[in-house]
Amino acid sequence: MKTKSHSMHIEFHTGDVVEVETTSGTVSALVLLATDEFVILDSCDDTTPVVVRADDLISARIYDGSLA
């Protein structure tokens, strides 16, 4: 998978597919809703979606299909 990696503030959009680092490893997730402050992520694995602060996702990678 080709991605765009960001080191500064990331602008998330509803529908983005992202990879984030967690305490249990790397997780891919779908952005269900994004605001300037918060992002709701669904890992699509039958777990409850999570709400995280956008600023806490500085090492997230957003999948960019145009790079595929």
C-alpha atoms as a PDB file:
ATOM      1  CA  MET A   1       0.000   0.000   0.000  1.00  0.00           C
ATOM      2  CA  LYS A   2       1.341   3.401  -0.921  1.00  0.00           C
ATOM      3  CA  THR A   3       0.641   6.199   1.539  1.00  0.00           C
ATOM      4  CA  LYS A   4       1.287   9.844   2.160  1.00  0.00           C
ATOM      5  CA  SER A   5       2.952  10.301   5.544  1.00  0.00           C
ATOM      6  CA  HIS A   6       2.701  13.573   7.411  1.00  0.00           C
ATOM      7  CA  SER A   7       4.848  14.957  10.201  1.00  0.00           C
ATOM      8  CA  MET A   8       2.731  18.034  10.928  1.00  0.00           C
ATOM      9  CA  HIS A   9      -1.009  18.505  11.502  1.00  0.00           C
ATOM     10  CA  ILE A  10      -2.975  16.111   9.306  1.00  0.00           C
ATOM     11  CA  GLU A  11      -6.232  17.142   7.683  1.00  0.00           C
ATOM     12  CA  PHE A  12      -8.562  14.145   7.929  1.00  0.00           C
ATOM     13  CA  HIS A  13     -11.677  13.765   5.799  1.00  0.00           C
ATOM     14  CA  THR A  14     -14.709  11.546   6.247  1.00  0.00           C
ATOM     15  CA  GLY A  15     -14.095   8.384   4.227  1.00  0.00           C
ATOM     16  CA  ASP A  16     -10.290   8.427   4.492  1.00  0.00           C
ATOM     17  CA  VAL A  17      -8.546   5.123   5.131  1.00  0.00           C
ATOM     18  CA  VAL A  18      -5.727   5.595   7.632  1.00  0.00           C
ATOM     19  CA  GLU A  19      -3.040   3.619   9.407  1.00  0.00           C
ATOM     20  CA  VAL A  20      -2.324   4.544  13.026  1.00  0.00           C
ATOM     21  CA  GLU A  21       0.109   3.225  15.588  1.00  0.00           C
ATOM     22  CA  THR A  22      -1.425   1.826  18.786  1.00  0.00           C
ATOM     23  CA  THR A  23      -0.016   0.084  21.824  1.00  0.00           C
ATOM     24  CA  SER A  24      -0.854  -3.234  20.145  1.00  0.00           C
ATOM     25  CA  GLY A  25       0.633  -2.382  16.739  1.00  0.00           C
ATOM     26  CA  THR A  26      -0.412  -0.742  13.489  1.00  0.00           C
ATOM     27  CA  VAL A  27      -4.148  -0.547  12.787  1.00  0.00           C
ATOM     28  CA  SER A  28      -5.955   0.391   9.588  1.00  0.00           C
ATOM     29  CA  ALA A  29      -9.196   2.286  10.062  1.00  0.00           C
ATOM     30  CA  LEU A  30     -11.915   4.148   8.204  1.00  0.00           C
ATOM     31  CA  VAL A  31     -12.603   7.766   9.175  1.00  0.00           C
ATOM     32  CA  LEU A  32     -16.332   7.859   9.914  1.00  0.00           C
ATOM     33  CA  LEU A  33     -16.393  11.558  10.792  1.00  0.00           C
ATOM     34  CA  ALA A  34     -13.699  14.206  11.005  1.00  0.00           C
ATOM     35  CA  THR A  35     -13.662  17.698  12.475  1.00  0.00           C
ATOM     36  CA  ASP A  36     -10.747  20.028  13.140  1.00  0.00           C
ATOM     37  CA  GLU A  37     -10.537  18.681  16.693  1.00  0.00           C
ATOM     38  CA  PHE A  38     -11.748  15.071  16.659  1.00  0.00           C
ATOM     39  CA  VAL A  39     -11.806  12.019  14.405  1.00  0.00           C
ATOM     40  CA  ILE A  40     -14.053   8.962  14.722  1.00  0.00           C
ATOM     41  CA  LEU A  41     -12.191   5.850  13.533  1.00  0.00           C
ATOM     42  CA  ASP A  42     -13.672   2.436  12.732  1.00  0.00           C
ATOM     43  CA  SER A  43     -11.231  -0.432  12.356  1.00  0.00           C
ATOM     44  CA  CYS A  44     -14.008  -2.455  10.644  1.00  0.00           C
ATOM     45  CA  ASP A  45     -13.354  -5.478  12.862  1.00  0.00           C
ATOM     46  CA  ASP A  46     -16.629  -5.540  14.841  1.00  0.00           C
ATOM     47  CA  THR A  47     -15.152  -3.391  17.626  1.00  0.00           C
ATOM     48  CA  THR A  48     -16.696  -0.103  18.688  1.00  0.00           C
ATOM     49  CA  PRO A  49     -15.448   2.930  16.731  1.00  0.00           C
ATOM     50  CA  VAL A  50     -13.214   5.261  18.734  1.00  0.00           C
ATOM     51  CA  VAL A  51     -13.078   9.026  19.045  1.00  0.00           C
ATOM     52  CA  VAL A  52      -9.581  10.509  19.133  1.00  0.00           C
ATOM     53  CA  ARG A  53      -8.163  14.015  19.084  1.00  0.00           C
ATOM     54  CA  ALA A  54      -6.893  14.816  15.593  1.00  0.00           C
ATOM     55  CA  ASP A  55      -3.717  16.298  17.094  1.00  0.00           C
ATOM     56  CA  ASP A  56      -2.936  12.931  18.728  1.00  0.00           C
ATOM     57  CA  LEU A  57      -2.682  11.272  15.293  1.00  0.00           C
ATOM     58  CA  ILE A  58       0.484  13.018  14.142  1.00  0.00           C
ATOM     59  CA  SER A  59       2.060   9.777  12.908  1.00  0.00           C
ATOM     60  CA  ALA A  60      -1.038   8.580  11.030  1.00  0.00           C
ATOM     61  CA  ARG A  61      -0.749   7.696   7.365  1.00  0.00           C
ATOM     62  CA  ILE A  62      -3.608   8.412   4.979  1.00  0.00           C
ATOM     63  CA  TYR A  63      -4.029   5.980   2.091  1.00  0.00           C
ATOM     64  CA  ASP A  64      -3.887   7.760  -1.258  1.00  0.00           C
ATOM     65  CA  GLY A  65      -5.313   5.618  -4.036  1.00  0.00           C
ATOM     66  CA  SER A  66      -3.866   7.902  -6.705  1.00  0.00           C
ATOM     67  CA  LEU A  67      -0.374   6.714  -5.706  1.00  0.00           C
ATOM     68  CA  ALA A  68      -1.282   3.040  -6.248  1.00  0.00           C
END
